[in-house]
Amino acid sequence: MEIADGILQRETALLLNNSRFMQTVHQVIFSCGDSLGVQTGLDMLRQMGIQPFAISGLFTSSELLIQEVERICSTPILRLLDLLEGTELPYLLEVQPSIHVLRAVA
């Protein structure tokens, strides 16, 4: 399932903070447009008790932005081109269905 409206969207925030909904989520990939958004978004998700297993998004079309993100976080980066070409499929299939919850969500 994709939640595409952004984590600041009211309805999305309600879903991410709903424990019943989050129990149905196996894993989270956070998608973002730029390096600052990655850092801010990951911080916000961690405050909600969510640790994405990977990050992706438009920032992966720029090597400079990828390098910036690699300096600030250790979360695996999935490049959009690799996802489109299917080269990340083996990695995605290996991921165990288990949400990384840092703390209980309300």
N, C-alpha and C. Protein backbone atom coordinates (compact mmCIF):
# COMPACT_ATOMS: atom_id res chain seq x y z
N MET A 1 0.84 -1.17 0.00
CA MET A 1 0.00 0.00 0.00
C MET A 1 0.89 1.23 0.00
N GLU A 2 0.51 2.21 -0.76
CA GLU A 2 1.25 3.46 -0.80
C GLU A 2 0.42 4.56 -0.16
N ILE A 3 1.06 5.35 0.68
CA ILE A 3 0.44 6.56 1.21
C ILE A 3 1.19 7.70 0.54
N ALA A 4 0.55 8.36 -0.40
CA ALA A 4 1.28 9.26 -1.29
C ALA A 4 1.13 10.74 -0.99
N ASP A 5 0.42 11.11 0.04
CA ASP A 5 0.17 12.52 0.26
C ASP A 5 1.20 13.21 1.14
N GLY A 6 2.19 12.50 1.61
CA GLY A 6 3.20 13.12 2.45
C GLY A 6 2.83 12.99 3.92
N ILE A 7 3.86 12.93 4.77
CA ILE A 7 3.60 12.67 6.18
C ILE A 7 3.04 13.87 6.92
N LEU A 8 3.06 15.05 6.31
CA LEU A 8 2.44 16.22 6.93
C LEU A 8 0.95 16.34 6.62
N GLN A 9 0.49 15.61 5.62
CA GLN A 9 -0.93 15.60 5.27
C GLN A 9 -1.72 15.07 6.46
N ARG A 10 -2.81 15.73 6.82
CA ARG A 10 -3.58 15.38 8.01
C ARG A 10 -3.97 13.90 8.03
N GLU A 11 -4.55 13.40 6.95
CA GLU A 11 -5.03 12.02 6.92
C GLU A 11 -3.87 11.03 7.01
N THR A 12 -2.77 11.35 6.36
CA THR A 12 -1.59 10.48 6.42
C THR A 12 -1.05 10.42 7.84
N ALA A 13 -0.94 11.57 8.49
CA ALA A 13 -0.45 11.61 9.87
C ALA A 13 -1.35 10.81 10.79
N LEU A 14 -2.66 10.90 10.57
CA LEU A 14 -3.59 10.11 11.38
C LEU A 14 -3.36 8.61 11.19
N LEU A 15 -3.13 8.19 9.95
CA LEU A 15 -2.86 6.78 9.69
C LEU A 15 -1.56 6.32 10.33
N LEU A 16 -0.51 7.12 10.17
CA LEU A 16 0.80 6.74 10.71
C LEU A 16 0.81 6.68 12.23
N ASN A 17 -0.07 7.42 12.86
CA ASN A 17 -0.15 7.43 14.32
C ASN A 17 -1.25 6.51 14.86
N ASN A 18 -1.87 5.74 13.97
CA ASN A 18 -2.93 4.82 14.37
C ASN A 18 -2.35 3.42 14.53
N SER A 19 -2.34 2.92 15.75
CA SER A 19 -1.71 1.62 16.01
C SER A 19 -2.40 0.48 15.26
N ARG A 20 -3.71 0.53 15.12
CA ARG A 20 -4.42 -0.54 14.39
C ARG A 20 -4.00 -0.55 12.92
N PHE A 21 -3.90 0.63 12.33
CA PHE A 21 -3.45 0.69 10.94
C PHE A 21 -2.01 0.21 10.81
N MET A 22 -1.14 0.67 11.69
CA MET A 22 0.28 0.32 11.60
C MET A 22 0.52 -1.17 11.82
N GLN A 23 -0.40 -1.85 12.50
CA GLN A 23 -0.27 -3.30 12.66
C GLN A 23 -0.45 -4.03 11.33
N THR A 24 -1.06 -3.37 10.34
CA THR A 24 -1.25 -3.98 9.02
C THR A 24 -0.09 -3.67 8.07
N VAL A 25 0.84 -2.84 8.51
CA VAL A 25 1.97 -2.44 7.68
C VAL A 25 3.14 -3.37 7.93
N HIS A 26 3.67 -3.96 6.87
CA HIS A 26 4.80 -4.89 7.02
C HIS A 26 6.13 -4.16 7.04
N GLN A 27 6.31 -3.18 6.18
CA GLN A 27 7.54 -2.41 6.09
C GLN A 27 7.22 -1.02 5.56
N VAL A 28 8.17 -0.10 5.74
CA VAL A 28 8.00 1.27 5.26
C VAL A 28 9.20 1.64 4.40
N ILE A 29 8.93 2.16 3.21
CA ILE A 29 9.94 2.82 2.38
C ILE A 29 9.54 4.28 2.36
N PHE A 30 10.46 5.16 2.74
CA PHE A 30 10.18 6.60 2.74
C PHE A 30 10.70 7.18 1.43
N SER A 31 9.84 7.89 0.71
CA SER A 31 10.19 8.50 -0.56
C SER A 31 10.24 10.01 -0.40
N CYS A 32 11.28 10.63 -0.96
CA CYS A 32 11.46 12.06 -0.76
C CYS A 32 12.11 12.71 -1.98
N GLY A 33 11.96 14.02 -2.08
CA GLY A 33 12.47 14.74 -3.23
C GLY A 33 13.87 15.31 -3.07
N ASP A 34 14.29 15.58 -1.84
CA ASP A 34 15.61 16.18 -1.66
C ASP A 34 16.23 15.72 -0.35
N SER A 35 17.51 16.04 -0.17
CA SER A 35 18.25 15.54 0.99
C SER A 35 17.74 16.12 2.31
N LEU A 36 17.37 17.38 2.33
CA LEU A 36 16.84 17.97 3.56
C LEU A 36 15.51 17.32 3.93
N GLY A 37 14.69 17.05 2.93
CA GLY A 37 13.43 16.37 3.17
C GLY A 37 13.62 14.97 3.72
N VAL A 38 14.67 14.29 3.26
CA VAL A 38 14.97 12.95 3.79
C VAL A 38 15.26 13.04 5.28
N GLN A 39 16.15 13.96 5.66
CA GLN A 39 16.52 14.08 7.07
C GLN A 39 15.32 14.45 7.92
N THR A 40 14.57 15.44 7.48
CA THR A 40 13.39 15.88 8.24
C THR A 40 12.34 14.78 8.32
N GLY A 41 12.07 14.13 7.20
CA GLY A 41 11.07 13.06 7.17
C GLY A 41 11.44 11.89 8.05
N LEU A 42 12.71 11.47 7.99
CA LEU A 42 13.14 10.36 8.84
C LEU A 42 13.03 10.72 10.32
N ASP A 43 13.39 11.96 10.66
CA ASP A 43 13.25 12.41 12.05
C ASP A 43 11.79 12.37 12.49
N MET A 44 10.89 12.84 11.63
CA MET A 44 9.46 12.83 11.97
C MET A 44 8.94 11.40 12.12
N LEU A 45 9.34 10.52 11.22
CA LEU A 45 8.90 9.13 11.31
C LEU A 45 9.42 8.47 12.58
N ARG A 46 10.66 8.75 12.93
CA ARG A 46 11.22 8.18 14.17
C ARG A 46 10.44 8.66 15.39
N GLN A 47 10.00 9.92 15.37
CA GLN A 47 9.20 10.44 16.47
C GLN A 47 7.86 9.71 16.57
N MET A 48 7.40 9.16 15.46
CA MET A 48 6.16 8.37 15.45
C MET A 48 6.43 6.90 15.76
N GLY A 49 7.71 6.56 15.95
CA GLY A 49 8.06 5.17 16.24
C GLY A 49 8.25 4.32 15.00
N ILE A 50 8.47 4.95 13.86
CA ILE A 50 8.60 4.22 12.59
C ILE A 50 10.02 4.36 12.06
N GLN A 51 10.63 3.22 11.74
CA GLN A 51 11.97 3.20 11.15
C GLN A 51 11.87 2.58 9.76
N PRO A 52 11.89 3.39 8.69
CA PRO A 52 11.83 2.82 7.35
C PRO A 52 13.01 1.88 7.09
N PHE A 53 12.77 0.82 6.32
CA PHE A 53 13.86 -0.09 5.99
C PHE A 53 14.65 0.41 4.79
N ALA A 54 14.08 1.41 4.06
CA ALA A 54 14.78 1.98 2.91
C ALA A 54 14.19 3.35 2.61
N ILE A 55 14.97 4.14 1.85
CA ILE A 55 14.50 5.44 1.37
C ILE A 55 14.69 5.49 -0.14
N SER A 56 13.84 6.27 -0.79
CA SER A 56 13.89 6.40 -2.24
C SER A 56 13.30 7.75 -2.60
N GLY A 57 13.06 7.97 -3.87
CA GLY A 57 12.42 9.19 -4.30
C GLY A 57 13.21 9.94 -5.35
N LEU A 58 12.72 11.14 -5.69
CA LEU A 58 13.34 11.94 -6.74
C LEU A 58 14.79 12.31 -6.44
N PHE A 59 15.16 12.40 -5.17
CA PHE A 59 16.54 12.76 -4.86
C PHE A 59 17.53 11.75 -5.44
N THR A 60 17.08 10.52 -5.72
CA THR A 60 17.99 9.49 -6.23
C THR A 60 18.36 9.71 -7.69
N SER A 61 17.78 10.71 -8.34
CA SER A 61 18.18 11.02 -9.71
C SER A 61 19.40 11.92 -9.75
N SER A 62 19.88 12.35 -8.59
CA SER A 62 21.05 13.22 -8.49
C SER A 62 22.12 12.56 -7.62
N GLU A 63 23.29 12.31 -8.20
CA GLU A 63 24.39 11.72 -7.43
C GLU A 63 24.79 12.60 -6.25
N LEU A 64 24.75 13.92 -6.44
CA LEU A 64 25.10 14.84 -5.36
C LEU A 64 24.14 14.68 -4.18
N LEU A 65 22.85 14.62 -4.47
CA LEU A 65 21.87 14.46 -3.39
C LEU A 65 22.00 13.10 -2.72
N ILE A 66 22.29 12.06 -3.49
CA ILE A 66 22.51 10.74 -2.90
C ILE A 66 23.69 10.79 -1.94
N GLN A 67 24.77 11.44 -2.34
CA GLN A 67 25.95 11.55 -1.47
C GLN A 67 25.62 12.33 -0.20
N GLU A 68 24.82 13.39 -0.32
CA GLU A 68 24.41 14.15 0.86
C GLU A 68 23.63 13.26 1.82
N VAL A 69 22.71 12.48 1.29
CA VAL A 69 21.89 11.61 2.13
C VAL A 69 22.74 10.52 2.76
N GLU A 70 23.68 9.95 2.01
CA GLU A 70 24.55 8.91 2.56
C GLU A 70 25.38 9.43 3.73
N ARG A 71 25.70 10.72 3.73
CA ARG A 71 26.47 11.29 4.84
C ARG A 71 25.64 11.47 6.11
N ILE A 72 24.32 11.59 5.97
CA ILE A 72 23.50 11.88 7.15
C ILE A 72 22.72 10.68 7.67
N CYS A 73 22.65 9.60 6.90
CA CYS A 73 21.89 8.44 7.40
C CYS A 73 22.44 7.14 6.84
N SER A 74 22.16 6.07 7.56
CA SER A 74 22.63 4.75 7.15
C SER A 74 21.51 3.89 6.55
N THR A 75 20.32 4.44 6.42
CA THR A 75 19.20 3.71 5.83
C THR A 75 19.51 3.42 4.36
N PRO A 76 19.31 2.19 3.91
CA PRO A 76 19.58 1.87 2.51
C PRO A 76 18.79 2.76 1.54
N ILE A 77 19.45 3.14 0.45
CA ILE A 77 18.84 4.00 -0.57
C ILE A 77 18.50 3.14 -1.78
N LEU A 78 17.25 3.22 -2.21
CA LEU A 78 16.80 2.53 -3.42
C LEU A 78 16.65 3.57 -4.52
N ARG A 79 17.49 3.49 -5.53
CA ARG A 79 17.43 4.45 -6.64
C ARG A 79 16.21 4.15 -7.51
N LEU A 80 15.53 5.23 -7.92
CA LEU A 80 14.33 5.05 -8.74
C LEU A 80 14.63 4.28 -10.02
N LEU A 81 15.75 4.59 -10.67
CA LEU A 81 16.09 3.89 -11.90
C LEU A 81 16.26 2.39 -11.66
N ASP A 82 16.90 2.03 -10.56
CA ASP A 82 17.07 0.61 -10.23
C ASP A 82 15.73 -0.05 -9.94
N LEU A 83 14.83 0.67 -9.28
CA LEU A 83 13.50 0.12 -9.03
C LEU A 83 12.74 -0.09 -10.33
N LEU A 84 12.84 0.89 -11.24
CA LEU A 84 12.15 0.77 -12.53
C LEU A 84 12.71 -0.37 -13.37
N GLU A 85 14.02 -0.56 -13.31
CA GLU A 85 14.65 -1.63 -14.09
C GLU A 85 14.54 -3.00 -13.42
N GLY A 86 14.11 -3.02 -12.17
CA GLY A 86 13.93 -4.28 -11.46
C GLY A 86 15.17 -4.82 -10.79
N THR A 87 16.28 -4.06 -10.80
CA THR A 87 17.51 -4.57 -10.20
C THR A 87 17.44 -4.63 -8.68
N GLU A 88 16.51 -3.91 -8.07
CA GLU A 88 16.35 -3.94 -6.61
C GLU A 88 15.35 -5.01 -6.17
N LEU A 89 14.74 -5.69 -7.11
CA LEU A 89 13.73 -6.69 -6.77
C LEU A 89 14.25 -7.78 -5.83
N PRO A 90 15.44 -8.34 -6.05
CA PRO A 90 15.94 -9.36 -5.10
C PRO A 90 16.05 -8.81 -3.67
N TYR A 91 16.51 -7.57 -3.53
CA TYR A 91 16.61 -6.96 -2.20
C TYR A 91 15.22 -6.83 -1.57
N LEU A 92 14.27 -6.36 -2.34
CA LEU A 92 12.91 -6.17 -1.82
C LEU A 92 12.27 -7.49 -1.43
N LEU A 93 12.55 -8.55 -2.18
CA LEU A 93 11.98 -9.85 -1.86
C LEU A 93 12.59 -10.47 -0.61
N GLU A 94 13.81 -10.06 -0.25
CA GLU A 94 14.47 -10.60 0.94
C GLU A 94 13.99 -9.93 2.23
N VAL A 95 13.38 -8.77 2.11
CA VAL A 95 12.96 -8.01 3.29
C VAL A 95 11.86 -8.76 4.02
N GLN A 96 12.08 -8.98 5.29
CA GLN A 96 11.10 -9.70 6.11
C GLN A 96 9.92 -8.79 6.43
N PRO A 97 8.69 -9.31 6.39
CA PRO A 97 7.52 -8.50 6.70
C PRO A 97 7.42 -8.22 8.19
N SER A 98 8.02 -7.13 8.60
CA SER A 98 8.01 -6.76 10.02
C SER A 98 8.28 -5.28 10.14
N ILE A 99 7.33 -4.53 10.63
CA ILE A 99 7.50 -3.09 10.79
C ILE A 99 8.52 -2.83 11.88
N HIS A 100 9.40 -1.90 11.64
CA HIS A 100 10.40 -1.51 12.63
C HIS A 100 9.80 -0.42 13.51
N VAL A 101 9.25 -0.80 14.63
CA VAL A 101 8.64 0.17 15.54
C VAL A 101 9.62 0.46 16.66
N LEU A 102 9.96 1.73 16.80
CA LEU A 102 10.89 2.15 17.84
C LEU A 102 10.19 2.32 19.18
N ARG A 103 8.92 2.70 19.14
CA ARG A 103 8.12 2.86 20.35
C ARG A 103 6.67 2.61 19.96
N ALA A 104 5.85 2.38 20.93
CA ALA A 104 4.44 2.14 20.65
C ALA A 104 3.79 3.40 20.10
N VAL A 105 2.95 3.24 19.09
CA VAL A 105 2.21 4.37 18.55
C VAL A 105 0.80 4.34 19.12
N ALA A 106 0.23 5.52 19.29
CA ALA A 106 -1.09 5.62 19.91
C ALA A 106 -2.20 5.31 18.94
